Every structure is written in C-alpha cells, then in structure tokens.
Amino acid sequence: MPLTPEILTANSEVVARLRSLDVSFEPDEEPWFTIDGVESPRHIGSDGSGSAFVLLPSQNVLYVSSEGRAGIIAESFDALIQLVVARPYWRDILKFSGGGDLAEMRRAADALEERLQDEDDVSEAREQIRGALALPDADDPIGALYEAVAASDAIVRATDGSPFTTLFNRFSIDNSPTQRNAAA
C-alpha cells in the first residue's frame, strides 16, 4: 500500500523523527501563494523556515519556499519521504546546484553527507523512520530530485501575482568554504 499523509501522521514516533529532519506535517492554514491551475492546493506540511509542502492532484509533491522559490521535488508522497530520509539536506543540494547541474548536486550531496557523519541523531532518525515505515532505500535520491525539479511545470505565485523562481540556485559548494573543505 502506498504511503499517504494520513498513514504517516497516524504514527506519532515517525512524525517526531521527521520533525527532527525539519519536516512537519502540520500544514499552514494561511494561504500565502497560489498555483496556476490548482484551485485548492492540499498543503500537507511545512518546514522550519515556513515553507510549504503541497500534494498536487497529480500526486507530485510541490515545495514552495518562503523565499520565493518553488518546484516539484518528488513524484509521490513516498518519494518525498524517501528523499527526506536519504538526504535531509536536500534543500542545500538545490542551493548548491550550480544552476541545476546534476554533477554539482552530487558534489554538494557528498560534502553535506560528510558533515553529517558525526550526527548520531540524524542516523538514528533515518533508521527508525525506515524501520517503522518499511521504507526501502531510495535508488538515486539526487537524480530523482534533479529530474523532478528540472521537469517541474507548476507555476506558483505570491499573493501579489508575482511568480516564484526555480528551486535550482546558482551557487556551488565552491562558493562555501565550509562545503568546499568538506568536499576536499
């Protein structure tokens, strides 16, 4: 049976563990954006920055950042949870994507993962979520994230009508001394 927001939120331990990975399944009730062609977006959650996760009618998961960026990040709710567990720093992978370059995203992921090696709470959260949900490891979470964002055709607008930009940011890990040193 595919994982749904309802099934997931029924497991309070998993919800708490996901919260430690900066994903909350308490949707924002205040509408602060619109999506062209989607009359009633289904907000399924948020993160610590106030950004929103939206389950679209197509079952794709859209991420709408509080900083004016938006895009589809997963082909399904299952894929979203796999992404968050496999790469809890997925937003930083997009930040350091070099404008949407898959090779840069992989470099960023390697550097970010290296920095998490000593984070026992993240490793523990990953294992507990995988076990509780019988969640298989994602085959290629970075490739899937790249494909989803690159193919994203959702047009998200602020309440003033201005469109949000892509989730791919122009930075690479070379722009960050911390990330650059981790990748060396």
N, C-alpha and C. Protein backbone atom coordinates (compact mmCIF):
# COMPACT_ATOMS: atom_id res chain seq x y z
N MET A 1 0.84 -1.17 0.00
CA MET A 1 0.00 0.00 0.00
C MET A 1 0.89 1.25 0.00
N PRO A 2 0.61 2.20 -0.87
CA PRO A 2 1.44 3.41 -0.91
C PRO A 2 1.27 4.23 0.38
N LEU A 3 2.33 4.89 0.73
CA LEU A 3 2.33 5.75 1.90
C LEU A 3 1.53 7.01 1.59
N THR A 4 0.69 7.41 2.52
CA THR A 4 -0.10 8.63 2.37
C THR A 4 0.16 9.53 3.58
N PRO A 5 -0.18 10.80 3.48
CA PRO A 5 -0.03 11.67 4.65
C PRO A 5 -0.83 11.17 5.86
N GLU A 6 -2.00 10.59 5.59
CA GLU A 6 -2.84 10.09 6.69
C GLU A 6 -2.19 8.90 7.40
N ILE A 7 -1.63 7.98 6.63
CA ILE A 7 -0.95 6.82 7.22
C ILE A 7 0.25 7.29 8.03
N LEU A 8 1.02 8.19 7.45
CA LEU A 8 2.23 8.68 8.13
C LEU A 8 1.89 9.40 9.43
N THR A 9 0.93 10.30 9.39
CA THR A 9 0.63 11.10 10.58
C THR A 9 -0.03 10.28 11.69
N ALA A 10 -0.49 9.08 11.38
CA ALA A 10 -1.03 8.20 12.41
C ALA A 10 0.09 7.60 13.27
N ASN A 11 1.34 7.72 12.82
CA ASN A 11 2.47 7.18 13.56
C ASN A 11 3.23 8.34 14.21
N SER A 12 2.92 8.60 15.47
CA SER A 12 3.49 9.78 16.15
C SER A 12 5.01 9.70 16.28
N GLU A 13 5.56 8.50 16.40
CA GLU A 13 7.02 8.36 16.51
C GLU A 13 7.70 8.79 15.21
N VAL A 14 7.14 8.38 14.08
CA VAL A 14 7.70 8.76 12.78
C VAL A 14 7.55 10.27 12.57
N VAL A 15 6.41 10.80 12.94
CA VAL A 15 6.19 12.25 12.80
C VAL A 15 7.24 13.01 13.61
N ALA A 16 7.51 12.56 14.82
CA ALA A 16 8.52 13.22 15.66
C ALA A 16 9.91 13.11 15.04
N ARG A 17 10.24 11.95 14.51
CA ARG A 17 11.55 11.76 13.87
C ARG A 17 11.68 12.62 12.63
N LEU A 18 10.62 12.74 11.84
CA LEU A 18 10.66 13.59 10.65
C LEU A 18 10.81 15.06 11.05
N ARG A 19 10.19 15.42 12.16
CA ARG A 19 10.33 16.80 12.64
C ARG A 19 11.80 17.09 12.95
N SER A 20 12.53 16.08 13.44
CA SER A 20 13.96 16.29 13.72
C SER A 20 14.76 16.45 12.43
N LEU A 21 14.17 16.04 11.29
CA LEU A 21 14.79 16.25 9.97
C LEU A 21 14.19 17.48 9.28
N ASP A 22 13.49 18.31 10.04
CA ASP A 22 12.93 19.59 9.60
C ASP A 22 11.75 19.45 8.65
N VAL A 23 10.91 18.46 8.89
CA VAL A 23 9.66 18.32 8.14
C VAL A 23 8.54 18.13 9.15
N SER A 24 7.54 18.98 9.06
CA SER A 24 6.39 18.91 9.96
C SER A 24 5.14 18.68 9.12
N PHE A 25 4.28 17.82 9.61
CA PHE A 25 3.05 17.56 8.87
C PHE A 25 1.86 18.26 9.51
N GLU A 26 2.10 19.49 9.88
CA GLU A 26 1.06 20.38 10.35
C GLU A 26 1.00 21.50 9.32
N PRO A 27 0.09 21.37 8.36
CA PRO A 27 0.06 22.33 7.26
C PRO A 27 -0.29 23.74 7.70
N ASP A 28 0.22 24.68 6.92
CA ASP A 28 -0.05 26.10 7.13
C ASP A 28 -1.46 26.40 6.62
N GLU A 29 -2.28 26.94 7.46
CA GLU A 29 -3.66 27.23 7.06
C GLU A 29 -3.79 28.57 6.33
N GLU A 30 -2.83 29.42 6.49
CA GLU A 30 -2.88 30.75 5.90
C GLU A 30 -2.41 30.71 4.45
N PRO A 31 -3.27 31.00 3.48
CA PRO A 31 -2.83 30.97 2.07
C PRO A 31 -1.90 32.15 1.76
N TRP A 32 -0.68 31.84 1.35
CA TRP A 32 0.29 32.89 1.02
C TRP A 32 0.84 32.74 -0.38
N PHE A 33 0.26 31.80 -1.14
CA PHE A 33 0.64 31.61 -2.53
C PHE A 33 -0.52 30.93 -3.26
N THR A 34 -0.47 31.00 -4.58
CA THR A 34 -1.43 30.28 -5.41
C THR A 34 -0.65 29.46 -6.43
N ILE A 35 -1.29 28.46 -6.99
CA ILE A 35 -0.69 27.62 -8.01
C ILE A 35 -1.60 27.67 -9.23
N ASP A 36 -1.05 28.12 -10.35
CA ASP A 36 -1.85 28.20 -11.57
C ASP A 36 -2.46 26.84 -11.89
N GLY A 37 -3.77 26.82 -12.12
CA GLY A 37 -4.46 25.59 -12.50
C GLY A 37 -4.84 24.68 -11.34
N VAL A 38 -4.52 25.06 -10.13
CA VAL A 38 -4.88 24.24 -8.95
C VAL A 38 -5.74 25.11 -8.05
N GLU A 39 -7.02 24.76 -7.99
CA GLU A 39 -7.96 25.59 -7.26
C GLU A 39 -7.78 25.51 -5.73
N SER A 40 -7.65 24.32 -5.21
CA SER A 40 -7.50 24.14 -3.77
C SER A 40 -6.27 23.29 -3.48
N PRO A 41 -5.09 23.90 -3.39
CA PRO A 41 -3.89 23.11 -3.13
C PRO A 41 -3.99 22.41 -1.78
N ARG A 42 -3.49 21.18 -1.73
CA ARG A 42 -3.53 20.41 -0.49
C ARG A 42 -2.19 20.54 0.24
N HIS A 43 -2.16 21.47 1.17
CA HIS A 43 -0.97 21.68 2.00
C HIS A 43 -0.85 20.48 2.93
N ILE A 44 0.27 19.78 2.85
CA ILE A 44 0.44 18.61 3.70
C ILE A 44 1.47 18.82 4.80
N GLY A 45 2.24 19.88 4.70
CA GLY A 45 3.24 20.11 5.73
C GLY A 45 4.05 21.35 5.50
N SER A 46 5.05 21.50 6.36
CA SER A 46 5.92 22.67 6.28
C SER A 46 7.28 22.31 6.85
N ASP A 47 8.19 23.27 6.78
CA ASP A 47 9.49 23.08 7.41
C ASP A 47 9.75 24.26 8.34
N GLY A 48 10.90 24.26 8.96
CA GLY A 48 11.21 25.28 9.95
C GLY A 48 11.28 26.69 9.41
N SER A 49 11.48 26.84 8.10
CA SER A 49 11.56 28.18 7.52
C SER A 49 10.19 28.74 7.15
N GLY A 50 9.14 27.94 7.35
CA GLY A 50 7.80 28.39 6.98
C GLY A 50 7.43 28.03 5.56
N SER A 51 8.27 27.28 4.89
CA SER A 51 7.99 26.83 3.53
C SER A 51 6.95 25.72 3.58
N ALA A 52 6.31 25.45 2.44
CA ALA A 52 5.19 24.51 2.41
C ALA A 52 5.44 23.33 1.48
N PHE A 53 4.90 22.18 1.87
CA PHE A 53 4.84 21.01 1.01
C PHE A 53 3.38 20.88 0.57
N VAL A 54 3.18 20.69 -0.72
CA VAL A 54 1.83 20.61 -1.28
C VAL A 54 1.72 19.34 -2.10
N LEU A 55 0.67 18.56 -1.85
CA LEU A 55 0.40 17.37 -2.65
C LEU A 55 -0.54 17.81 -3.77
N LEU A 56 -0.04 17.74 -5.00
CA LEU A 56 -0.81 18.17 -6.16
C LEU A 56 -1.79 17.08 -6.60
N PRO A 57 -2.80 17.44 -7.39
CA PRO A 57 -3.74 16.43 -7.90
C PRO A 57 -3.03 15.29 -8.65
N SER A 58 -1.89 15.57 -9.28
CA SER A 58 -1.11 14.56 -10.00
C SER A 58 -0.39 13.61 -9.04
N GLN A 59 -0.43 13.91 -7.74
CA GLN A 59 0.27 13.20 -6.66
C GLN A 59 1.74 13.60 -6.55
N ASN A 60 2.21 14.51 -7.41
CA ASN A 60 3.55 15.08 -7.26
C ASN A 60 3.55 15.94 -6.00
N VAL A 61 4.74 16.08 -5.40
CA VAL A 61 4.87 16.93 -4.23
C VAL A 61 5.61 18.20 -4.63
N LEU A 62 4.96 19.32 -4.38
CA LEU A 62 5.49 20.63 -4.68
C LEU A 62 6.04 21.25 -3.41
N TYR A 63 7.21 21.87 -3.52
CA TYR A 63 7.79 22.59 -2.39
C TYR A 63 7.73 24.07 -2.73
N VAL A 64 7.16 24.86 -1.83
CA VAL A 64 7.05 26.30 -2.01
C VAL A 64 7.84 26.95 -0.88
N SER A 65 8.99 27.52 -1.24
CA SER A 65 9.85 28.10 -0.21
C SER A 65 9.34 29.47 0.20
N SER A 66 9.62 29.81 1.42
CA SER A 66 9.23 31.12 1.94
C SER A 66 10.09 32.23 1.35
N GLU A 67 11.07 31.83 0.53
CA GLU A 67 11.97 32.80 -0.08
C GLU A 67 11.68 33.05 -1.56
N GLY A 68 10.50 32.64 -2.02
CA GLY A 68 10.10 32.93 -3.39
C GLY A 68 10.56 31.94 -4.44
N ARG A 69 10.85 30.73 -4.04
CA ARG A 69 11.25 29.67 -4.97
C ARG A 69 10.25 28.52 -4.84
N ALA A 70 10.01 27.83 -5.94
CA ALA A 70 9.06 26.72 -5.88
C ALA A 70 9.36 25.72 -6.99
N GLY A 71 8.96 24.48 -6.75
CA GLY A 71 9.09 23.46 -7.77
C GLY A 71 8.69 22.10 -7.23
N ILE A 72 8.40 21.20 -8.12
CA ILE A 72 8.10 19.83 -7.75
C ILE A 72 9.40 19.18 -7.31
N ILE A 73 9.36 18.48 -6.17
CA ILE A 73 10.57 17.85 -5.64
C ILE A 73 10.47 16.33 -5.60
N ALA A 74 9.26 15.79 -5.75
CA ALA A 74 9.09 14.34 -5.68
C ALA A 74 7.87 13.93 -6.50
N GLU A 75 7.95 12.75 -7.07
CA GLU A 75 6.86 12.26 -7.91
C GLU A 75 5.69 11.71 -7.10
N SER A 76 5.89 11.51 -5.80
CA SER A 76 4.84 10.98 -4.94
C SER A 76 5.17 11.30 -3.49
N PHE A 77 4.21 11.04 -2.63
CA PHE A 77 4.46 11.23 -1.20
C PHE A 77 5.52 10.26 -0.71
N ASP A 78 5.47 9.00 -1.18
CA ASP A 78 6.51 8.02 -0.85
C ASP A 78 7.90 8.56 -1.20
N ALA A 79 8.01 9.10 -2.41
CA ALA A 79 9.30 9.61 -2.89
C ALA A 79 9.77 10.79 -2.03
N LEU A 80 8.84 11.62 -1.57
CA LEU A 80 9.20 12.73 -0.68
C LEU A 80 9.82 12.20 0.60
N ILE A 81 9.19 11.23 1.22
CA ILE A 81 9.70 10.69 2.48
C ILE A 81 11.05 10.02 2.25
N GLN A 82 11.19 9.28 1.15
CA GLN A 82 12.49 8.66 0.83
C GLN A 82 13.57 9.73 0.68
N LEU A 83 13.25 10.83 0.00
CA LEU A 83 14.19 11.92 -0.19
C LEU A 83 14.60 12.53 1.15
N VAL A 84 13.64 12.84 1.97
CA VAL A 84 13.91 13.49 3.26
C VAL A 84 14.77 12.58 4.15
N VAL A 85 14.50 11.28 4.12
CA VAL A 85 15.26 10.35 4.95
C VAL A 85 16.67 10.15 4.38
N ALA A 86 16.76 9.96 3.07
CA ALA A 86 18.06 9.71 2.45
C ALA A 86 18.94 10.95 2.44
N ARG A 87 18.35 12.10 2.20
CA ARG A 87 19.10 13.35 2.07
C ARG A 87 18.36 14.48 2.79
N PRO A 88 18.42 14.49 4.13
CA PRO A 88 17.69 15.52 4.87
C PRO A 88 18.12 16.94 4.53
N TYR A 89 19.25 17.08 3.91
CA TYR A 89 19.79 18.39 3.50
C TYR A 89 19.47 18.66 2.03
N TRP A 90 18.39 18.10 1.49
CA TRP A 90 18.05 18.22 0.07
C TRP A 90 17.91 19.68 -0.37
N ARG A 91 17.46 20.56 0.53
CA ARG A 91 17.35 21.99 0.16
C ARG A 91 18.73 22.58 -0.14
N ASP A 92 19.73 22.16 0.65
CA ASP A 92 21.08 22.64 0.41
C ASP A 92 21.66 22.06 -0.89
N ILE A 93 21.26 20.86 -1.24
CA ILE A 93 21.69 20.29 -2.53
C ILE A 93 21.19 21.19 -3.66
N LEU A 94 19.96 21.67 -3.54
CA LEU A 94 19.41 22.58 -4.56
C LEU A 94 20.09 23.95 -4.50
N LYS A 95 20.40 24.40 -3.30
CA LYS A 95 21.08 25.69 -3.14
C LYS A 95 22.45 25.67 -3.82
N PHE A 96 23.16 24.55 -3.69
CA PHE A 96 24.49 24.43 -4.26
C PHE A 96 24.48 23.62 -5.56
N SER A 97 23.41 23.79 -6.36
CA SER A 97 23.26 23.00 -7.59
C SER A 97 23.94 23.61 -8.81
N GLY A 98 24.56 24.77 -8.65
CA GLY A 98 25.21 25.42 -9.79
C GLY A 98 24.23 25.73 -10.91
N GLY A 99 23.02 26.11 -10.53
CA GLY A 99 22.01 26.45 -11.53
C GLY A 99 21.29 25.25 -12.11
N GLY A 100 21.36 24.11 -11.45
CA GLY A 100 20.67 22.91 -11.93
C GLY A 100 21.58 21.92 -12.62
N ASP A 101 22.81 21.83 -12.16
CA ASP A 101 23.79 20.90 -12.72
C ASP A 101 23.82 19.65 -11.83
N LEU A 102 23.47 18.50 -12.41
CA LEU A 102 23.39 17.26 -11.63
C LEU A 102 24.73 16.90 -11.00
N ALA A 103 25.82 17.09 -11.71
CA ALA A 103 27.14 16.78 -11.15
C ALA A 103 27.43 17.66 -9.93
N GLU A 104 27.05 18.93 -9.98
CA GLU A 104 27.23 19.83 -8.83
C GLU A 104 26.35 19.38 -7.66
N MET A 105 25.16 18.92 -7.97
CA MET A 105 24.26 18.45 -6.92
C MET A 105 24.87 17.23 -6.22
N ARG A 106 25.47 16.34 -6.99
CA ARG A 106 26.10 15.14 -6.40
C ARG A 106 27.31 15.54 -5.54
N ARG A 107 28.10 16.52 -6.01
CA ARG A 107 29.23 17.01 -5.22
C ARG A 107 28.73 17.60 -3.90
N ALA A 108 27.68 18.40 -4.00
CA ALA A 108 27.12 19.02 -2.79
C ALA A 108 26.62 17.94 -1.83
N ALA A 109 25.94 16.94 -2.35
CA ALA A 109 25.42 15.87 -1.50
C ALA A 109 26.54 15.14 -0.79
N ASP A 110 27.62 14.87 -1.50
CA ASP A 110 28.76 14.20 -0.87
C ASP A 110 29.33 15.04 0.27
N ALA A 111 29.50 16.34 0.03
CA ALA A 111 30.05 17.23 1.05
C ALA A 111 29.10 17.34 2.24
N LEU A 112 27.82 17.45 1.97
CA LEU A 112 26.84 17.58 3.04
C LEU A 112 26.73 16.29 3.85
N GLU A 113 26.79 15.16 3.17
CA GLU A 113 26.73 13.87 3.87
C GLU A 113 27.96 13.71 4.76
N GLU A 114 29.11 14.14 4.28
CA GLU A 114 30.34 14.06 5.06
C GLU A 114 30.19 14.82 6.38
N ARG A 115 29.54 15.96 6.33
CA ARG A 115 29.36 16.76 7.53
C ARG A 115 28.39 16.11 8.52
N LEU A 116 27.54 15.19 8.03
CA LEU A 116 26.57 14.52 8.90
C LEU A 116 27.12 13.25 9.54
N GLN A 117 28.29 12.83 9.18
CA GLN A 117 28.83 11.56 9.66
C GLN A 117 28.83 11.45 11.18
N ASP A 118 29.03 12.54 11.87
CA ASP A 118 29.08 12.52 13.33
C ASP A 118 27.74 12.85 13.99
N GLU A 119 26.71 12.99 13.20
CA GLU A 119 25.39 13.34 13.73
C GLU A 119 24.59 12.07 14.03
N ASP A 120 24.78 11.52 15.21
CA ASP A 120 24.11 10.28 15.58
C ASP A 120 22.59 10.40 15.57
N ASP A 121 22.07 11.58 15.96
CA ASP A 121 20.62 11.73 15.99
C ASP A 121 20.01 11.65 14.60
N VAL A 122 20.71 12.14 13.58
CA VAL A 122 20.21 12.05 12.20
C VAL A 122 20.24 10.60 11.74
N SER A 123 21.33 9.91 12.01
CA SER A 123 21.43 8.49 11.63
C SER A 123 20.35 7.67 12.32
N GLU A 124 20.14 7.95 13.59
CA GLU A 124 19.12 7.23 14.35
C GLU A 124 17.73 7.53 13.79
N ALA A 125 17.45 8.78 13.49
CA ALA A 125 16.15 9.15 12.92
C ALA A 125 15.93 8.44 11.58
N ARG A 126 16.94 8.43 10.74
CA ARG A 126 16.84 7.76 9.45
C ARG A 126 16.47 6.29 9.62
N GLU A 127 17.20 5.59 10.50
CA GLU A 127 16.97 4.16 10.71
C GLU A 127 15.59 3.89 11.31
N GLN A 128 15.18 4.69 12.26
CA GLN A 128 13.88 4.47 12.88
C GLN A 128 12.74 4.73 11.90
N ILE A 129 12.86 5.75 11.07
CA ILE A 129 11.82 6.03 10.08
C ILE A 129 11.76 4.90 9.06
N ARG A 130 12.91 4.49 8.55
CA ARG A 130 12.94 3.39 7.57
C ARG A 130 12.31 2.13 8.16
N GLY A 131 12.67 1.81 9.40
CA GLY A 131 12.14 0.61 10.04
C GLY A 131 10.64 0.69 10.29
N ALA A 132 10.18 1.81 10.83
CA ALA A 132 8.77 1.96 11.17
C ALA A 132 7.87 1.94 9.94
N LEU A 133 8.37 2.47 8.83
CA LEU A 133 7.56 2.55 7.60
C LEU A 133 7.88 1.45 6.60
N ALA A 134 8.84 0.58 6.94
CA ALA A 134 9.34 -0.43 6.00
C ALA A 134 9.70 0.27 4.68
N LEU A 135 10.39 1.38 4.83
CA LEU A 135 10.75 2.24 3.71
C LEU A 135 12.03 1.75 3.05
N PRO A 136 11.95 1.40 1.77
CA PRO A 136 13.18 0.98 1.11
C PRO A 136 14.11 2.17 0.88
N ASP A 137 15.39 1.87 0.73
CA ASP A 137 16.34 2.93 0.39
C ASP A 137 16.00 3.48 -0.98
N ALA A 138 16.14 4.77 -1.14
CA ALA A 138 15.92 5.39 -2.45
C ALA A 138 17.08 5.00 -3.36
N ASP A 139 16.77 4.63 -4.61
CA ASP A 139 17.80 4.22 -5.55
C ASP A 139 18.78 5.34 -5.86
N ASP A 140 18.27 6.48 -6.24
CA ASP A 140 19.11 7.63 -6.60
C ASP A 140 18.35 8.90 -6.22
N PRO A 141 18.34 9.24 -4.93
CA PRO A 141 17.54 10.39 -4.50
C PRO A 141 17.97 11.71 -5.13
N ILE A 142 19.26 11.86 -5.41
CA ILE A 142 19.73 13.12 -6.01
C ILE A 142 19.27 13.20 -7.46
N GLY A 143 19.40 12.10 -8.18
CA GLY A 143 18.93 12.05 -9.57
C GLY A 143 17.42 12.28 -9.64
N ALA A 144 16.67 11.66 -8.72
CA ALA A 144 15.22 11.84 -8.70
C ALA A 144 14.84 13.28 -8.38
N LEU A 145 15.56 13.90 -7.44
CA LEU A 145 15.31 15.30 -7.11
C LEU A 145 15.60 16.18 -8.31
N TYR A 146 16.73 15.95 -8.96
CA TYR A 146 17.09 16.72 -10.15
C TYR A 146 15.99 16.60 -11.22
N GLU A 147 15.59 15.37 -11.51
CA GLU A 147 14.57 15.14 -12.55
C GLU A 147 13.26 15.84 -12.20
N ALA A 148 12.84 15.74 -10.94
CA ALA A 148 11.58 16.35 -10.53
C ALA A 148 11.62 17.86 -10.67
N VAL A 149 12.70 18.48 -10.19
CA VAL A 149 12.79 19.94 -10.26
C VAL A 149 12.96 20.40 -11.70
N ALA A 150 13.78 19.69 -12.48
CA ALA A 150 14.01 20.08 -13.88
C ALA A 150 12.73 19.99 -14.70
N ALA A 151 11.87 19.01 -14.40
CA ALA A 151 10.64 18.83 -15.16
C ALA A 151 9.46 19.60 -14.58
N SER A 152 9.68 20.28 -13.45
CA SER A 152 8.60 20.98 -12.77
C SER A 152 7.96 22.02 -13.67
N ASP A 153 6.64 21.90 -13.82
CA ASP A 153 5.92 22.86 -14.66
C ASP A 153 4.89 23.65 -13.84
N ALA A 154 4.93 23.49 -12.54
CA ALA A 154 3.99 24.21 -11.68
C ALA A 154 4.38 25.69 -11.63
N ILE A 155 3.40 26.53 -11.79
CA ILE A 155 3.63 27.97 -11.68
C ILE A 155 3.00 28.44 -10.38
N VAL A 156 3.85 28.86 -9.47
CA VAL A 156 3.43 29.30 -8.15
C VAL A 156 3.57 30.81 -8.10
N ARG A 157 2.58 31.46 -7.51
CA ARG A 157 2.58 32.92 -7.44
C ARG A 157 2.37 33.39 -6.01
N ALA A 158 3.04 34.47 -5.69
CA ALA A 158 2.82 35.14 -4.41
C ALA A 158 1.44 35.79 -4.46
N THR A 159 0.94 36.23 -3.34
CA THR A 159 -0.39 36.83 -3.32
C THR A 159 -0.49 38.09 -4.16
N ASP A 160 0.64 38.72 -4.47
CA ASP A 160 0.61 39.90 -5.35
C ASP A 160 0.66 39.51 -6.83
N GLY A 161 0.70 38.20 -7.13
CA GLY A 161 0.69 37.73 -8.51
C GLY A 161 2.06 37.47 -9.11
N SER A 162 3.13 37.86 -8.43
CA SER A 162 4.46 37.64 -8.98
C SER A 162 4.84 36.16 -8.89
N PRO A 163 5.44 35.62 -9.96
CA PRO A 163 5.77 34.20 -9.98
C PRO A 163 7.01 33.88 -9.15
N PHE A 164 7.01 32.71 -8.57
CA PHE A 164 8.17 32.22 -7.84
C PHE A 164 9.20 31.72 -8.86
N THR A 165 10.45 31.66 -8.47
CA THR A 165 11.51 31.18 -9.36
C THR A 165 11.82 29.71 -9.06
N THR A 166 12.69 29.15 -9.86
CA THR A 166 13.07 27.74 -9.71
C THR A 166 13.77 27.47 -8.39
N LEU A 167 13.73 26.21 -7.97
CA LEU A 167 14.44 25.81 -6.75
C LEU A 167 15.94 25.67 -6.97
N PHE A 168 16.36 25.52 -8.23
CA PHE A 168 17.79 25.45 -8.51
C PHE A 168 18.41 26.81 -8.22
N ASN A 169 19.44 26.83 -7.41
CA ASN A 169 20.13 28.07 -7.13
C ASN A 169 21.46 28.06 -7.86
N ARG A 170 22.08 29.18 -8.02
CA ARG A 170 23.28 29.30 -8.84
C ARG A 170 24.57 28.94 -8.11
N PHE A 171 24.53 28.79 -6.80
CA PHE A 171 25.74 28.51 -6.04
C PHE A 171 26.25 27.09 -6.27
N SER A 172 27.54 26.93 -6.04
CA SER A 172 28.11 25.58 -5.98
C SER A 172 28.81 25.47 -4.63
N ILE A 173 29.25 24.27 -4.28
CA ILE A 173 29.91 24.13 -2.99
C ILE A 173 31.20 24.93 -2.94
N ASP A 174 31.74 25.27 -4.10
CA ASP A 174 32.95 26.09 -4.15
C ASP A 174 32.72 27.50 -3.61
N ASN A 175 31.44 27.93 -3.56
CA ASN A 175 31.11 29.25 -3.02
C ASN A 175 31.05 29.26 -1.49
N SER A 176 31.13 28.10 -0.88
CA SER A 176 31.03 28.00 0.58
C SER A 176 32.29 27.34 1.13
N PRO A 177 33.08 28.07 1.91
CA PRO A 177 34.30 27.47 2.47
C PRO A 177 34.02 26.20 3.27
N THR A 178 32.94 26.18 4.02
CA THR A 178 32.61 25.01 4.83
C THR A 178 32.35 23.79 3.94
N GLN A 179 31.54 23.99 2.90
CA GLN A 179 31.21 22.89 1.99
C GLN A 179 32.42 22.50 1.15
N ARG A 180 33.14 23.49 0.68
CA ARG A 180 34.34 23.23 -0.16
C ARG A 180 35.35 22.38 0.61
N ASN A 181 35.56 22.72 1.88
CA ASN A 181 36.53 21.97 2.69
C ASN A 181 36.05 20.54 2.96
N ALA A 182 34.74 20.36 3.12
CA ALA A 182 34.19 19.01 3.34
C ALA A 182 34.34 18.17 2.09
N ALA A 183 34.29 18.79 0.90
CA ALA A 183 34.37 18.05 -0.35
C ALA A 183 35.81 17.73 -0.72
N ALA A 184 36.76 18.42 -0.10
CA ALA A 184 38.17 18.22 -0.47
C ALA A 184 38.72 16.90 -0.01
